[in-house]
Full PDB file with SEQRES, HELIX, SHEET, SSBOND, CRYST1, ORIGX, SCALE, CONECT and MASTER records, all heavy atoms in Angstrom:
SEQRES   1 A   39  GLN LEU VAL GLU SER GLY GLY GLY LEU VAL GLN ALA GLY          
SEQRES   2 A   39  GLY SER LEU ARG LEU SER CYS ALA ALA SER ARG SER ILE          
SEQRES   3 A   39  PHE SER ILE ASN ALA ALA ASN TRP TYR ARG GLN ALA PRO          
SHEET    1 AA1 2 LEU A   2  SER A   5  0                                        
SHEET    2 AA1 2 SER A  19  ALA A  22 -1                                        
CRYST1    1.000    1.000    1.000  90.00  90.00  90.00 P 1           1          
ORIGX1      1.000000  0.000000  0.000000        0.00000                         
ORIGX2      0.000000  1.000000  0.000000        0.00000                         
ORIGX3      0.000000  0.000000  1.000000        0.00000                         
SCALE1      1.000000  0.000000  0.000000        0.00000                         
SCALE2      0.000000  1.000000  0.000000        0.00000                         
SCALE3      0.000000  0.000000  1.000000        0.00000                         
ATOM      1  N   GLN A   1       1.694   8.239  -7.342  1.00  0.00           N  
ATOM      2  CA  GLN A   1       2.871   8.311  -8.207  1.00  0.00           C  
ATOM      3  C   GLN A   1       3.078   7.019  -8.977  1.00  0.00           C  
ATOM      4  O   GLN A   1       3.932   6.994  -9.877  1.00  0.00           O  
ATOM      5  CB  GLN A   1       4.098   8.670  -7.377  1.00  0.00           C  
ATOM      6  CG  GLN A   1       3.874   9.905  -6.559  1.00  0.00           C  
ATOM      7  CD  GLN A   1       5.231  10.488  -6.061  1.00  0.00           C  
ATOM      8  OE1 GLN A   1       6.123  10.630  -6.824  1.00  0.00           O  
ATOM      9  NE2 GLN A   1       5.274  10.719  -4.770  1.00  0.00           N  
ATOM     10  N   LEU A   2       2.381   5.978  -8.608  1.00  0.00           N  
ATOM     11  CA  LEU A   2       2.376   4.741  -9.353  1.00  0.00           C  
ATOM     12  C   LEU A   2       0.929   4.431  -9.706  1.00  0.00           C  
ATOM     13  O   LEU A   2       0.075   4.468  -8.885  1.00  0.00           O  
ATOM     14  CB  LEU A   2       2.941   3.557  -8.549  1.00  0.00           C  
ATOM     15  CG  LEU A   2       4.444   3.621  -8.223  1.00  0.00           C  
ATOM     16  CD1 LEU A   2       4.780   2.418  -7.396  1.00  0.00           C  
ATOM     17  CD2 LEU A   2       5.311   3.762  -9.430  1.00  0.00           C  
ATOM     18  N   VAL A   3       0.686   4.109 -10.968  1.00  0.00           N  
ATOM     19  CA  VAL A   3      -0.649   3.815 -11.410  1.00  0.00           C  
ATOM     20  C   VAL A   3      -0.676   2.386 -11.985  1.00  0.00           C  
ATOM     21  O   VAL A   3       0.034   2.143 -12.958  1.00  0.00           O  
ATOM     22  CB  VAL A   3      -1.203   4.831 -12.397  1.00  0.00           C  
ATOM     23  CG1 VAL A   3      -2.596   4.442 -12.909  1.00  0.00           C  
ATOM     24  CG2 VAL A   3      -1.181   6.244 -11.826  1.00  0.00           C  
ATOM     25  N   GLU A   4      -1.427   1.516 -11.365  1.00  0.00           N  
ATOM     26  CA  GLU A   4      -1.568   0.173 -11.869  1.00  0.00           C  
ATOM     27  C   GLU A   4      -2.742   0.020 -12.763  1.00  0.00           C  
ATOM     28  O   GLU A   4      -3.819   0.735 -12.557  1.00  0.00           O  
ATOM     29  CB  GLU A   4      -1.673  -0.797 -10.649  1.00  0.00           C  
ATOM     30  CG  GLU A   4      -0.501  -0.853  -9.764  1.00  0.00           C  
ATOM     31  CD  GLU A   4      -0.837  -0.724  -8.331  1.00  0.00           C  
ATOM     32  OE1 GLU A   4      -1.807  -0.006  -8.016  1.00  0.00           O  
ATOM     33  OE2 GLU A   4      -0.077  -1.269  -7.467  1.00  0.00           O  
ATOM     34  N   SER A   5      -2.688  -0.858 -13.743  1.00  0.00           N  
ATOM     35  CA  SER A   5      -3.775  -1.126 -14.636  1.00  0.00           C  
ATOM     36  C   SER A   5      -3.713  -2.573 -15.137  1.00  0.00           C  
ATOM     37  O   SER A   5      -2.676  -3.176 -14.951  1.00  0.00           O  
ATOM     38  CB  SER A   5      -3.774  -0.130 -15.773  1.00  0.00           C  
ATOM     39  OG  SER A   5      -2.604  -0.260 -16.563  1.00  0.00           O  
ATOM     40  N   GLY A   6      -4.767  -3.020 -15.713  1.00  0.00           N  
ATOM     41  CA  GLY A   6      -4.762  -4.303 -16.360  1.00  0.00           C  
ATOM     42  C   GLY A   6      -5.441  -5.444 -15.564  1.00  0.00           C  
ATOM     43  O   GLY A   6      -5.505  -6.594 -16.018  1.00  0.00           O  
ATOM     44  N   GLY A   7      -5.894  -5.122 -14.399  1.00  0.00           N  
ATOM     45  CA  GLY A   7      -6.578  -6.132 -13.585  1.00  0.00           C  
ATOM     46  C   GLY A   7      -7.973  -6.414 -14.129  1.00  0.00           C  
ATOM     47  O   GLY A   7      -8.447  -5.870 -15.103  1.00  0.00           O  
ATOM     48  N   GLY A   8      -8.613  -7.367 -13.448  1.00  0.00           N  
ATOM     49  CA  GLY A   8      -9.984  -7.657 -13.859  1.00  0.00           C  
ATOM     50  C   GLY A   8     -10.364  -9.088 -13.520  1.00  0.00           C  
ATOM     51  O   GLY A   8      -9.762  -9.763 -12.684  1.00  0.00           O  
ATOM     52  N   LEU A   9     -11.369  -9.586 -14.252  1.00  0.00           N  
ATOM     53  CA  LEU A   9     -11.874 -10.903 -14.043  1.00  0.00           C  
ATOM     54  C   LEU A   9     -11.445 -11.798 -15.188  1.00  0.00           C  
ATOM     55  O   LEU A   9     -11.618 -11.442 -16.332  1.00  0.00           O  
ATOM     56  CB  LEU A   9     -13.425 -10.846 -13.987  1.00  0.00           C  
ATOM     57  CG  LEU A   9     -14.114 -12.208 -13.894  1.00  0.00           C  
ATOM     58  CD1 LEU A   9     -13.814 -12.990 -12.643  1.00  0.00           C  
ATOM     59  CD2 LEU A   9     -15.668 -11.959 -14.014  1.00  0.00           C  
ATOM     60  N   VAL A  10     -10.989 -12.979 -14.854  1.00  0.00           N  
ATOM     61  CA  VAL A  10     -10.565 -13.909 -15.863  1.00  0.00           C  
ATOM     62  C   VAL A  10     -10.858 -15.341 -15.458  1.00  0.00           C  
ATOM     63  O   VAL A  10     -10.918 -15.595 -14.213  1.00  0.00           O  
ATOM     64  CB  VAL A  10      -9.013 -13.759 -16.184  1.00  0.00           C  
ATOM     65  CG1 VAL A  10      -8.178 -14.129 -14.950  1.00  0.00           C  
ATOM     66  CG2 VAL A  10      -8.593 -14.555 -17.399  1.00  0.00           C  
ATOM     67  N   GLN A  11     -11.080 -16.245 -16.313  1.00  0.00           N  
ATOM     68  CA  GLN A  11     -11.326 -17.610 -15.977  1.00  0.00           C  
ATOM     69  C   GLN A  11     -10.038 -18.328 -15.669  1.00  0.00           C  
ATOM     70  O   GLN A  11      -8.977 -17.940 -16.133  1.00  0.00           O  
ATOM     71  CB  GLN A  11     -12.038 -18.378 -17.134  1.00  0.00           C  
ATOM     72  CG  GLN A  11     -13.531 -18.014 -17.229  1.00  0.00           C  
ATOM     73  CD  GLN A  11     -14.287 -18.937 -18.196  1.00  0.00           C  
ATOM     74  OE1 GLN A  11     -13.656 -19.413 -19.156  1.00  0.00           O  
ATOM     75  NE2 GLN A  11     -15.513 -19.220 -17.914  1.00  0.00           N  
ATOM     76  N   ALA A  12     -10.082 -19.329 -14.839  1.00  0.00           N  
ATOM     77  CA  ALA A  12      -8.921 -20.154 -14.537  1.00  0.00           C  
ATOM     78  C   ALA A  12      -8.306 -20.630 -15.841  1.00  0.00           C  
ATOM     79  O   ALA A  12      -8.985 -21.086 -16.731  1.00  0.00           O  
ATOM     80  CB  ALA A  12      -9.321 -21.309 -13.648  1.00  0.00           C  
ATOM     81  N   GLY A  13      -7.001 -20.555 -15.884  1.00  0.00           N  
ATOM     82  CA  GLY A  13      -6.300 -20.903 -17.117  1.00  0.00           C  
ATOM     83  C   GLY A  13      -6.008 -19.777 -18.049  1.00  0.00           C  
ATOM     84  O   GLY A  13      -5.217 -19.893 -18.973  1.00  0.00           O  
ATOM     85  N   GLY A  14      -6.645 -18.636 -17.756  1.00  0.00           N  
ATOM     86  CA  GLY A  14      -6.477 -17.497 -18.594  1.00  0.00           C  
ATOM     87  C   GLY A  14      -5.261 -16.667 -18.199  1.00  0.00           C  
ATOM     88  O   GLY A  14      -4.466 -17.021 -17.388  1.00  0.00           O  
ATOM     89  N   SER A  15      -5.180 -15.492 -18.884  1.00  0.00           N  
ATOM     90  CA  SER A  15      -4.002 -14.656 -18.686  1.00  0.00           C  
ATOM     91  C   SER A  15      -4.453 -13.179 -18.476  1.00  0.00           C  
ATOM     92  O   SER A  15      -5.492 -12.755 -18.960  1.00  0.00           O  
ATOM     93  CB  SER A  15      -3.076 -14.664 -19.922  1.00  0.00           C  
ATOM     94  OG  SER A  15      -2.586 -15.956 -20.142  1.00  0.00           O  
ATOM     95  N   LEU A  16      -3.617 -12.461 -17.764  1.00  0.00           N  
ATOM     96  CA  LEU A  16      -3.757 -11.036 -17.599  1.00  0.00           C  
ATOM     97  C   LEU A  16      -2.333 -10.417 -17.568  1.00  0.00           C  
ATOM     98  O   LEU A  16      -1.404 -11.081 -17.164  1.00  0.00           O  
ATOM     99  CB  LEU A  16      -4.422 -10.682 -16.252  1.00  0.00           C  
ATOM    100  CG  LEU A  16      -5.940 -10.833 -16.167  1.00  0.00           C  
ATOM    101  CD1 LEU A  16      -6.416 -10.585 -14.730  1.00  0.00           C  
ATOM    102  CD2 LEU A  16      -6.682  -9.943 -17.124  1.00  0.00           C  
ATOM    103  N   ARG A  17      -2.268  -9.156 -18.054  1.00  0.00           N  
ATOM    104  CA  ARG A  17      -1.036  -8.408 -17.900  1.00  0.00           C  
ATOM    105  C   ARG A  17      -1.272  -7.131 -17.100  1.00  0.00           C  
ATOM    106  O   ARG A  17      -2.057  -6.296 -17.489  1.00  0.00           O  
ATOM    107  CB  ARG A  17      -0.395  -8.055 -19.226  1.00  0.00           C  
ATOM    108  CG  ARG A  17       1.018  -7.487 -19.093  1.00  0.00           C  
ATOM    109  CD  ARG A  17       1.664  -7.182 -20.431  1.00  0.00           C  
ATOM    110  NE  ARG A  17       1.272  -5.970 -20.977  1.00  0.00           N  
ATOM    111  CZ  ARG A  17       2.073  -5.238 -21.788  1.00  0.00           C  
ATOM    112  NH1 ARG A  17       3.258  -5.707 -22.124  1.00  0.00           N  
ATOM    113  NH2 ARG A  17       1.631  -4.098 -22.287  1.00  0.00           N  
ATOM    114  N   LEU A  18      -0.581  -7.014 -15.981  1.00  0.00           N  
ATOM    115  CA  LEU A  18      -0.673  -5.837 -15.157  1.00  0.00           C  
ATOM    116  C   LEU A  18       0.413  -4.852 -15.527  1.00  0.00           C  
ATOM    117  O   LEU A  18       1.527  -5.253 -15.906  1.00  0.00           O  
ATOM    118  CB  LEU A  18      -0.509  -6.179 -13.667  1.00  0.00           C  
ATOM    119  CG  LEU A  18      -1.501  -7.229 -13.082  1.00  0.00           C  
ATOM    120  CD1 LEU A  18      -1.251  -7.360 -11.620  1.00  0.00           C  
ATOM    121  CD2 LEU A  18      -2.925  -6.853 -13.382  1.00  0.00           C  
ATOM    122  N   SER A  19       0.054  -3.586 -15.455  1.00  0.00           N  
ATOM    123  CA  SER A  19       1.058  -2.496 -15.732  1.00  0.00           C  
ATOM    124  C   SER A  19       1.168  -1.638 -14.559  1.00  0.00           C  
ATOM    125  O   SER A  19       0.152  -1.411 -13.826  1.00  0.00           O  
ATOM    126  CB  SER A  19       0.637  -1.700 -16.962  1.00  0.00           C  
ATOM    127  OG  SER A  19       0.575  -2.485 -18.154  1.00  0.00           O  
ATOM    128  N   CYS A  20       2.332  -1.046 -14.355  1.00  0.00           N  
ATOM    129  CA  CYS A  20       2.577  -0.108 -13.244  1.00  0.00           C  
ATOM    130  C   CYS A  20       3.340   1.053 -13.865  1.00  0.00           C  
ATOM    131  O   CYS A  20       4.531   0.893 -14.149  1.00  0.00           O  
ATOM    132  CB  CYS A  20       3.291  -0.785 -12.125  1.00  0.00           C  
ATOM    133  SG  CYS A  20       3.848   0.328 -10.823  1.00  0.00           S  
ATOM    134  N   ALA A  21       2.705   2.169 -14.003  1.00  0.00           N  
ATOM    135  CA  ALA A  21       3.369   3.300 -14.634  1.00  0.00           C  
ATOM    136  C   ALA A  21       3.737   4.340 -13.576  1.00  0.00           C  
ATOM    137  O   ALA A  21       2.970   4.730 -12.747  1.00  0.00           O  
ATOM    138  CB  ALA A  21       2.432   3.979 -15.637  1.00  0.00           C  
ATOM    139  N   ALA A  22       5.050   4.758 -13.602  1.00  0.00           N  
ATOM    140  CA  ALA A  22       5.550   5.736 -12.663  1.00  0.00           C  
ATOM    141  C   ALA A  22       5.376   7.129 -13.192  1.00  0.00           C  
ATOM    142  O   ALA A  22       5.541   7.386 -14.397  1.00  0.00           O  
ATOM    143  CB  ALA A  22       6.998   5.470 -12.376  1.00  0.00           C  
ATOM    144  N   SER A  23       5.075   8.046 -12.306  1.00  0.00           N  
ATOM    145  CA  SER A  23       4.830   9.439 -12.694  1.00  0.00           C  
ATOM    146  C   SER A  23       6.181  10.112 -12.974  1.00  0.00           C  
ATOM    147  O   SER A  23       7.251   9.592 -12.652  1.00  0.00           O  
ATOM    148  CB  SER A  23       4.092  10.195 -11.620  1.00  0.00           C  
ATOM    149  OG  SER A  23       4.888  10.303 -10.469  1.00  0.00           O  
ATOM    150  N   ARG A  24       6.092  11.379 -13.456  1.00  0.00           N  
ATOM    151  CA  ARG A  24       7.284  12.179 -13.801  1.00  0.00           C  
ATOM    152  C   ARG A  24       8.174  12.346 -12.570  1.00  0.00           C  
ATOM    153  O   ARG A  24       9.392  12.497 -12.684  1.00  0.00           O  
ATOM    154  CB  ARG A  24       6.915  13.474 -14.381  1.00  0.00           C  
ATOM    155  CG  ARG A  24       6.321  13.440 -15.765  1.00  0.00           C  
ATOM    156  CD  ARG A  24       6.053  14.806 -16.281  1.00  0.00           C  
ATOM    157  NE  ARG A  24       5.482  14.795 -17.612  1.00  0.00           N  
ATOM    158  CZ  ARG A  24       5.148  15.895 -18.277  1.00  0.00           C  
ATOM    159  NH1 ARG A  24       5.351  17.093 -17.715  1.00  0.00           N  
ATOM    160  NH2 ARG A  24       4.594  15.810 -19.466  1.00  0.00           N  
ATOM    161  N   SER A  25       7.521  12.429 -11.402  1.00  0.00           N  
ATOM    162  CA  SER A  25       8.308  12.700 -10.171  1.00  0.00           C  
ATOM    163  C   SER A  25       9.234  11.602  -9.782  1.00  0.00           C  
ATOM    164  O   SER A  25      10.157  11.795  -8.993  1.00  0.00           O  
ATOM    165  CB  SER A  25       7.311  13.037  -9.035  1.00  0.00           C  
ATOM    166  OG  SER A  25       6.566  11.904  -8.780  1.00  0.00           O  
ATOM    167  N   ILE A  26       9.031  10.426 -10.327  1.00  0.00           N  
ATOM    168  CA  ILE A  26       9.953   9.313 -10.115  1.00  0.00           C  
ATOM    169  C   ILE A  26      10.940   9.346 -11.276  1.00  0.00           C  
ATOM    170  O   ILE A  26      10.610   8.981 -12.387  1.00  0.00           O  
ATOM    171  CB  ILE A  26       9.195   7.975 -10.031  1.00  0.00           C  
ATOM    172  CG1 ILE A  26       8.215   8.004  -8.850  1.00  0.00           C  
ATOM    173  CG2 ILE A  26      10.169   6.836  -9.906  1.00  0.00           C  
ATOM    174  CD1 ILE A  26       7.377   6.769  -8.681  1.00  0.00           C  
ATOM    175  N   PHE A  27      12.190   9.727 -10.910  1.00  0.00           N  
ATOM    176  CA  PHE A  27      13.163   9.949 -11.982  1.00  0.00           C  
ATOM    177  C   PHE A  27      13.580   8.690 -12.687  1.00  0.00           C  
ATOM    178  O   PHE A  27      13.617   8.575 -13.895  1.00  0.00           O  
ATOM    179  CB  PHE A  27      14.322  10.637 -11.425  1.00  0.00           C  
ATOM    180  CG  PHE A  27      15.417  10.983 -12.444  1.00  0.00           C  
ATOM    181  CD1 PHE A  27      15.197  11.916 -13.357  1.00  0.00           C  
ATOM    182  CD2 PHE A  27      16.627  10.324 -12.442  1.00  0.00           C  
ATOM    183  CE1 PHE A  27      16.146  12.259 -14.361  1.00  0.00           C  
ATOM    184  CE2 PHE A  27      17.614  10.645 -13.370  1.00  0.00           C  
ATOM    185  CZ  PHE A  27      17.363  11.605 -14.342  1.00  0.00           C  
ATOM    186  N   SER A  28      13.909   7.686 -11.915  1.00  0.00           N  
ATOM    187  CA  SER A  28      14.302   6.374 -12.511  1.00  0.00           C  
ATOM    188  C   SER A  28      13.987   5.246 -11.534  1.00  0.00           C  
ATOM    189  O   SER A  28      13.934   5.455 -10.316  1.00  0.00           O  
ATOM    190  CB  SER A  28      15.755   6.400 -12.910  1.00  0.00           C  
ATOM    191  OG  SER A  28      16.560   6.438 -11.756  1.00  0.00           O  
ATOM    192  N   ILE A  29      13.841   4.109 -12.091  1.00  0.00           N  
ATOM    193  CA  ILE A  29      13.497   2.900 -11.307  1.00  0.00           C  
ATOM    194  C   ILE A  29      14.749   2.030 -11.149  1.00  0.00           C  
ATOM    195  O   ILE A  29      15.323   1.643 -12.164  1.00  0.00           O  
ATOM    196  CB  ILE A  29      12.345   2.074 -11.957  1.00  0.00           C  
ATOM    197  CG1 ILE A  29      11.087   3.010 -12.016  1.00  0.00           C  
ATOM    198  CG2 ILE A  29      12.115   0.848 -11.166  1.00  0.00           C  
ATOM    199  CD1 ILE A  29       9.952   2.379 -12.798  1.00  0.00           C  
ATOM    200  N   ASN A  30      15.186   1.760  -9.892  1.00  0.00           N  
ATOM    201  CA  ASN A  30      16.306   0.833  -9.758  1.00  0.00           C  
ATOM    202  C   ASN A  30      15.828  -0.611  -9.799  1.00  0.00           C  
ATOM    203  O   ASN A  30      16.295  -1.425 -10.545  1.00  0.00           O  
ATOM    204  CB  ASN A  30      16.970   1.092  -8.445  1.00  0.00           C  
ATOM    205  CG  ASN A  30      17.773   2.370  -8.397  1.00  0.00           C  
ATOM    206  OD1 ASN A  30      18.072   2.949  -9.419  1.00  0.00           O  
ATOM    207  ND2 ASN A  30      18.181   2.814  -7.255  1.00  0.00           N  
ATOM    208  N   ALA A  31      14.817  -0.910  -8.999  1.00  0.00           N  
ATOM    209  CA  ALA A  31      14.319  -2.279  -8.955  1.00  0.00           C  
ATOM    210  C   ALA A  31      12.742  -2.154  -8.722  1.00  0.00           C  
ATOM    211  O   ALA A  31      12.287  -1.085  -8.399  1.00  0.00           O  
ATOM    212  CB  ALA A  31      14.908  -3.049  -7.818  1.00  0.00           C  
ATOM    213  N   ALA A  32      12.105  -3.253  -8.943  1.00  0.00           N  
ATOM    214  CA  ALA A  32      10.670  -3.264  -8.770  1.00  0.00           C  
ATOM    215  C   ALA A  32      10.203  -4.588  -8.361  1.00  0.00           C  
ATOM    216  O   ALA A  32      10.828  -5.641  -8.638  1.00  0.00           O  
ATOM    217  CB  ALA A  32       9.962  -2.812 -10.105  1.00  0.00           C  
ATOM    218  N   ASN A  33       9.053  -4.612  -7.722  1.00  0.00           N  
ATOM    219  CA  ASN A  33       8.439  -5.822  -7.281  1.00  0.00           C  
ATOM    220  C   ASN A  33       6.927  -5.773  -7.458  1.00  0.00           C  
ATOM    221  O   ASN A  33       6.356  -4.718  -7.516  1.00  0.00           O  
ATOM    222  CB  ASN A  33       8.739  -6.063  -5.809  1.00  0.00           C  
ATOM    223  CG  ASN A  33      10.160  -6.177  -5.444  1.00  0.00           C  
ATOM    224  OD1 ASN A  33      10.829  -7.216  -5.636  1.00  0.00           O  
ATOM    225  ND2 ASN A  33      10.752  -5.092  -5.003  1.00  0.00           N  
ATOM    226  N   TRP A  34       6.353  -6.942  -7.519  1.00  0.00           N  
ATOM    227  CA  TRP A  34       4.855  -7.071  -7.393  1.00  0.00           C  
ATOM    228  C   TRP A  34       4.599  -7.905  -6.114  1.00  0.00           C  
ATOM    229  O   TRP A  34       5.246  -8.905  -5.894  1.00  0.00           O  
ATOM    230  CB  TRP A  34       4.295  -7.756  -8.608  1.00  0.00           C  
ATOM    231  CG  TRP A  34       4.238  -6.874  -9.798  1.00  0.00           C  
ATOM    232  CD1 TRP A  34       5.177  -6.754 -10.859  1.00  0.00           C  
ATOM    233  CD2 TRP A  34       3.187  -5.981 -10.209  1.00  0.00           C  
ATOM    234  NE1 TRP A  34       4.792  -5.892 -11.773  1.00  0.00           N  
ATOM    235  CE2 TRP A  34       3.544  -5.363 -11.409  1.00  0.00           C  
ATOM    236  CE3 TRP A  34       1.965  -5.593  -9.648  1.00  0.00           C  
ATOM    237  CZ2 TRP A  34       2.772  -4.407 -12.072  1.00  0.00           C  
ATOM    238  CZ3 TRP A  34       1.194  -4.657 -10.298  1.00  0.00           C  
ATOM    239  CH2 TRP A  34       1.570  -4.093 -11.444  1.00  0.00           C  
ATOM    240  N   TYR A  35       3.582  -7.457  -5.436  1.00  0.00           N  
ATOM    241  CA  TYR A  35       3.069  -8.230  -4.303  1.00  0.00           C  
ATOM    242  C   TYR A  35       1.584  -8.425  -4.467  1.00  0.00           C  
ATOM    243  O   TYR A  35       0.938  -7.742  -5.328  1.00  0.00           O  
ATOM    244  CB  TYR A  35       3.249  -7.372  -3.030  1.00  0.00           C  
ATOM    245  CG  TYR A  35       4.661  -7.220  -2.580  1.00  0.00           C  
ATOM    246  CD1 TYR A  35       5.506  -6.288  -3.169  1.00  0.00           C  
ATOM    247  CD2 TYR A  35       5.177  -7.962  -1.522  1.00  0.00           C  
ATOM    248  CE1 TYR A  35       6.832  -6.179  -2.750  1.00  0.00           C  
ATOM    249  CE2 TYR A  35       6.479  -7.847  -1.084  1.00  0.00           C  
ATOM    250  CZ  TYR A  35       7.308  -6.912  -1.704  1.00  0.00           C  
ATOM    251  OH  TYR A  35       8.576  -6.756  -1.271  1.00  0.00           O  
ATOM    252  N   ARG A  36       1.003  -9.311  -3.710  1.00  0.00           N  
ATOM    253  CA  ARG A  36      -0.433  -9.525  -3.720  1.00  0.00           C  
ATOM    254  C   ARG A  36      -0.944  -9.754  -2.355  1.00  0.00           C  
ATOM    255  O   ARG A  36      -0.209 -10.256  -1.482  1.00  0.00           O  
ATOM    256  CB  ARG A  36      -0.843 -10.650  -4.690  1.00  0.00           C  
ATOM    257  CG  ARG A  36      -0.412 -11.973  -4.201  1.00  0.00           C  
ATOM    258  CD  ARG A  36      -0.730 -13.070  -5.270  1.00  0.00           C  
ATOM    259  NE  ARG A  36      -0.369 -14.369  -4.865  1.00  0.00           N  
ATOM    260  CZ  ARG A  36      -0.367 -15.456  -5.675  1.00  0.00           C  
ATOM    261  NH1 ARG A  36      -0.779 -15.250  -6.953  1.00  0.00           N  
ATOM    262  NH2 ARG A  36      -0.004 -16.602  -5.256  1.00  0.00           N  
ATOM    263  N   GLN A  37      -2.199  -9.504  -2.091  1.00  0.00           N  
ATOM    264  CA  GLN A  37      -2.846  -9.697  -0.815  1.00  0.00           C  
ATOM    265  C   GLN A  37      -4.237 -10.217  -1.059  1.00  0.00           C  
ATOM    266  O   GLN A  37      -5.063  -9.491  -1.602  1.00  0.00           O  
ATOM    267  CB  GLN A  37      -2.842  -8.469   0.048  1.00  0.00           C  
ATOM    268  CG  GLN A  37      -3.262  -8.727   1.468  1.00  0.00           C  
ATOM    269  CD  GLN A  37      -2.916  -7.569   2.404  1.00  0.00           C  
ATOM    270  OE1 GLN A  37      -2.687  -6.443   1.933  1.00  0.00           O  
ATOM    271  NE2 GLN A  37      -2.879  -7.847   3.708  1.00  0.00           N  
ATOM    272  N   ALA A  38      -4.466 -11.421  -0.587  1.00  0.00           N  
ATOM    273  CA  ALA A  38      -5.809 -11.994  -0.640  1.00  0.00           C  
ATOM    274  C   ALA A  38      -6.557 -11.651   0.623  1.00  0.00           C  
ATOM    275  O   ALA A  38      -5.936 -11.427   1.673  1.00  0.00           O  
ATOM    276  CB  ALA A  38      -5.754 -13.525  -0.852  1.00  0.00           C  
ATOM    277  N   PRO A  39      -7.897 -11.656   0.650  1.00  0.00           N  
ATOM    278  CA  PRO A  39      -8.653 -11.377   1.854  1.00  0.00           C  
ATOM    279  C   PRO A  39      -8.255 -12.250   3.055  1.00  0.00           C  
ATOM    280  O   PRO A  39      -8.210 -13.473   2.894  1.00  0.00           O  
ATOM    281  CB  PRO A  39     -10.087 -11.616   1.421  1.00  0.00           C  
ATOM    282  CG  PRO A  39     -10.069 -11.403  -0.064  1.00  0.00           C  
ATOM    283  CD  PRO A  39      -8.751 -11.906  -0.553  1.00  0.00           C  
TER     284      PRO A  39                                                      
MASTER        0    0    0    0    2    0    0    6  283    1    0    3          
END                                                                             
């Protein structure tokens, strides 16, 4: 129900923009967060 995009490989100092699109079944978003997990 959430689809993330925009990741990939970048050099240090570079930029990326991640997107998280909610499906129709999610009526509205109150709040949102991003988390990360390294190995």
